[in-house]
C-alpha cells in the first residue's frame, strides 16, 4: 500500500498544482472521481489489464467513457497515466487529491458513529466543537451502530477518538484480566 502512495504522489501533486493554478479544483475532483469509478468497473478492468491493447488504446477507452467530465488538460492527464502504465493509480490519486483539496480549503470530513440518531441541534454542537478543536470547517457524516452501546466514535483522516461504551468495557475487561 505504501508503494502505491509513493508512486501516486507526484501525479497527484502535479494535478493538484495545475488545478489550483487554473482555479478548477472542483472540476478535477469530479473528473478524478468519475475516472476512478470507470477504472474500477469490471468491463474497464478487462480493457486496462489486457496486454493486447496499446497504452494509447487504453487511454482512449478511458477518455471516451469519461469525456463529458473532461477538458483537454484532464484528457492529457489520463493519457500521461496510460503512457506510464499508471492508470491503476487513479483511485489513490483521487484520494490524495481530495486530501490536498481539503487542506487547501481548510475543511475536513468527519465520520461519526453513534449508538442512536443525533438530533439536528446535537449535530450542530458537535460540528462546532470539532471545528474549533481541529481548526477547520467540519463536514459531518453520521452512522448509527447500536453495538457500541453508547457514546461516539469520531474518525477523520488519521485520527480516531473512540468514546464508546463498548471500548470502555473492553478496556475494563483487559485491565481485569491482567
Protein backbone atom coordinates (compact mmCIF):
# COMPACT_ATOMS: atom_id res chain seq x y z
CA UNK A 1 0.00 0.00 0.00
CA UNK A 2 2.80 2.42 0.87
CA UNK A 3 4.28 1.86 -2.56
CA UNK A 4 1.06 2.96 -4.28
CA UNK A 5 1.02 6.09 -2.11
CA UNK A 6 4.58 6.90 -3.07
CA UNK A 7 4.14 6.29 -6.80
CA UNK A 8 0.85 8.22 -6.94
CA UNK A 9 2.13 11.25 -5.03
CA UNK A 10 3.96 13.08 -7.88
CA UNK A 11 1.00 12.62 -10.22
CA UNK A 12 -1.37 13.87 -7.53
CA UNK A 13 0.84 16.85 -6.75
CA UNK A 14 1.12 17.82 -10.42
CA UNK A 15 -2.64 17.51 -10.96
CA UNK A 16 -3.38 19.48 -7.81
CA UNK A 17 -0.95 22.29 -8.63
CA UNK A 18 -2.40 22.54 -12.13
CA UNK A 19 -5.97 22.59 -10.78
CA UNK A 20 -5.09 25.32 -8.25
CA UNK A 21 -3.38 27.40 -10.93
CA UNK A 22 -6.42 27.10 -13.24
CA UNK A 23 -8.97 27.51 -10.43
CA UNK A 24 -10.54 24.18 -11.29
CA UNK A 25 -10.24 22.13 -8.08
CA UNK A 26 -13.88 21.05 -8.14
CA UNK A 27 -13.75 20.04 -11.82
CA UNK A 28 -10.60 17.98 -11.27
CA UNK A 29 -12.10 16.43 -8.17
CA UNK A 30 -15.20 15.40 -10.12
CA UNK A 31 -13.13 14.11 -13.04
CA UNK A 32 -10.90 12.02 -10.79
CA UNK A 33 -13.92 10.56 -9.01
CA UNK A 34 -15.53 9.66 -12.34
CA UNK A 35 -12.32 8.24 -13.81
CA UNK A 36 -11.76 6.18 -10.66
CA UNK A 37 -15.27 4.72 -10.84
CA UNK A 38 -14.78 3.92 -14.54
CA UNK A 39 -11.33 2.36 -13.98
CA UNK A 40 -12.74 0.14 -11.23
CA UNK A 41 -15.68 -1.09 -13.33
CA UNK A 42 -15.32 -4.77 -14.26
CA UNK A 43 -15.56 -4.15 -18.01
CA UNK A 44 -12.96 -1.39 -17.95
CA UNK A 45 -10.67 -3.53 -15.79
CA UNK A 46 -10.71 -6.14 -18.56
CA UNK A 47 -9.63 -3.49 -21.06
CA UNK A 48 -6.95 -1.95 -18.84
CA UNK A 49 -5.50 -5.33 -17.86
CA UNK A 50 -5.49 -6.69 -21.42
CA UNK A 51 -1.93 -6.80 -22.79
CA UNK A 52 -3.39 -6.86 -26.32
CA UNK A 53 -4.33 -3.19 -26.08
CA UNK A 54 -1.74 -0.48 -26.50
CA UNK A 55 -1.29 2.26 -23.95
CA UNK A 56 -2.93 4.70 -26.35
CA UNK A 57 -5.95 2.43 -26.78
CA UNK A 58 -6.35 2.14 -23.01
CA UNK A 59 -6.21 5.94 -22.68
CA UNK A 60 -8.72 6.34 -25.50
CA UNK A 61 -11.07 3.86 -23.81
CA UNK A 62 -10.93 5.77 -20.53
CA UNK A 63 -11.31 9.14 -22.21
CA UNK A 64 -14.21 8.03 -24.40
CA UNK A 65 -16.20 6.90 -21.37
CA UNK A 66 -15.36 9.95 -19.22
CA UNK A 67 -15.27 12.54 -22.00
CA UNK A 68 -18.21 14.62 -20.74
CA UNK A 69 -16.40 15.35 -17.45
CA UNK A 70 -13.05 16.12 -19.08
CA UNK A 71 -11.39 19.15 -20.54
CA UNK A 72 -8.18 18.95 -22.56
CA UNK A 73 -5.88 19.05 -19.53
CA UNK A 74 -7.65 16.16 -17.80
CA UNK A 75 -7.57 14.16 -21.04
CA UNK A 76 -3.83 14.81 -21.21
CA UNK A 77 -3.50 13.64 -17.60
CA UNK A 78 -5.27 10.34 -18.36
CA UNK A 79 -3.08 9.90 -21.46
CA UNK A 80 0.04 10.51 -19.38
CA UNK A 81 -1.06 7.93 -16.81
CA UNK A 82 -1.71 5.42 -19.58
CA UNK A 83 1.60 6.16 -21.26
CA UNK A 84 3.43 5.48 -17.98
CA UNK A 85 1.25 2.44 -17.22
CA UNK A 86 -0.18 4.17 -14.14
CA UNK A 87 -3.95 4.07 -14.75
CA UNK A 88 -4.23 1.66 -11.83
CA UNK A 89 -3.17 4.55 -9.58
CA UNK A 90 -6.34 6.54 -10.27
CA UNK A 91 -8.09 5.54 -7.00
CA UNK A 92 -5.06 6.51 -4.92
CA UNK A 93 -4.57 9.74 -6.88
CA UNK A 94 -8.22 10.64 -6.26
CA UNK A 95 -7.88 10.03 -2.51
CA UNK A 96 -4.68 12.06 -2.25
CA UNK A 97 -6.20 14.84 -4.37
CA UNK A 98 -9.19 15.09 -2.03
CA UNK A 99 -6.86 15.32 0.97
CA UNK A 100 -4.88 18.14 -0.65
CA UNK A 101 -8.12 19.88 -1.61
CA UNK A 102 -9.45 19.62 1.95
CA UNK A 103 -6.19 21.07 3.31
CA UNK A 104 -6.34 23.89 0.76
CA UNK A 105 -9.93 24.71 1.66
CA UNK A 106 -9.41 24.15 5.41
CA UNK A 107 -12.11 21.50 5.55
CA UNK A 108 -12.18 18.01 6.95
CA UNK A 109 -14.54 15.06 6.59
CA UNK A 110 -15.53 13.59 9.95
CA UNK A 111 -17.29 10.25 10.26
CA UNK A 112 -19.23 9.92 13.48
CA UNK A 113 -20.57 6.59 14.73
CA UNK A 114 -23.24 6.77 17.43
CA UNK A 115 -25.46 4.25 19.19
CA UNK A 116 -28.56 6.29 18.33
CA UNK A 117 -29.67 9.06 15.97
CA UNK A 118 -28.45 12.50 16.94
CA UNK A 119 -30.80 15.44 16.70
CA UNK A 120 -30.01 18.36 14.46
CA UNK A 121 -29.06 20.53 17.44
CA UNK A 122 -26.68 17.86 18.80
CA UNK A 123 -25.05 17.51 15.38
CA UNK A 124 -24.56 21.28 15.14
CA UNK A 125 -22.99 21.48 18.61
CA UNK A 126 -20.69 18.57 17.81
CA UNK A 127 -19.74 20.09 14.46
CA UNK A 128 -18.90 23.40 16.13
CA UNK A 129 -16.83 21.69 18.85
CA UNK A 130 -14.91 19.63 16.29
CA UNK A 131 -14.37 22.68 14.07
CA UNK A 132 -12.78 24.61 16.92
CA UNK A 133 -10.69 21.60 18.04
CA UNK A 134 -9.46 20.79 14.52
CA UNK A 135 -9.21 24.39 13.30
CA UNK A 136 -11.11 23.54 10.13
CA UNK A 137 -14.60 23.54 8.74
CA UNK A 138 -16.11 20.14 9.50
CA UNK A 139 -18.34 18.13 7.20
CA UNK A 140 -20.08 15.60 9.44
CA UNK A 141 -21.33 12.19 8.34
CA UNK A 142 -23.17 10.13 10.93
CA UNK A 143 -23.73 6.38 11.12
CA UNK A 144 -25.80 4.57 13.73
CA UNK A 145 -24.29 1.38 15.20
CA UNK A 146 -26.18 0.10 18.22
CA UNK A 147 -23.36 -2.33 19.04
CA UNK A 148 -21.27 0.50 20.52
CA UNK A 149 -23.91 0.69 23.29
CA UNK A 150 -23.41 4.41 23.92
CA UNK A 151 -21.01 7.29 23.33
CA UNK A 152 -19.45 8.11 19.98
CA UNK A 153 -16.58 7.16 17.71
CA UNK A 154 -15.04 10.04 15.74
CA UNK A 155 -12.93 9.24 12.65
CA UNK A 156 -11.11 11.63 10.37
CA UNK A 157 -8.09 11.06 8.15
CA UNK A 158 -5.51 9.73 10.61
CA UNK A 159 -7.35 10.35 13.88
CA UNK A 160 -9.78 8.10 15.75
CA UNK A 161 -11.41 9.06 19.04
CA UNK A 162 -13.25 6.10 20.49
CA UNK A 163 -15.53 7.32 23.26
CA UNK A 164 -17.90 4.37 23.01
CA UNK A 165 -19.10 2.35 25.97
CA UNK A 166 -18.05 -0.81 24.12
CA UNK A 167 -14.43 0.44 24.06
CA UNK A 168 -14.55 1.37 27.73
CA UNK A 169 -15.89 -2.07 28.62
CA UNK A 170 -13.15 -3.71 26.56
CA UNK A 171 -10.50 -1.68 28.43
CA UNK A 172 -12.05 -2.63 31.76
CA UNK A 173 -12.09 -6.32 30.81
CA UNK A 174 -8.46 -6.11 29.71
CA UNK A 175 -7.46 -4.46 32.98
CA UNK A 176 -9.28 -7.14 34.98
CA UNK A 177 -7.60 -9.95 33.05
CA UNK A 178 -4.10 -8.51 33.54
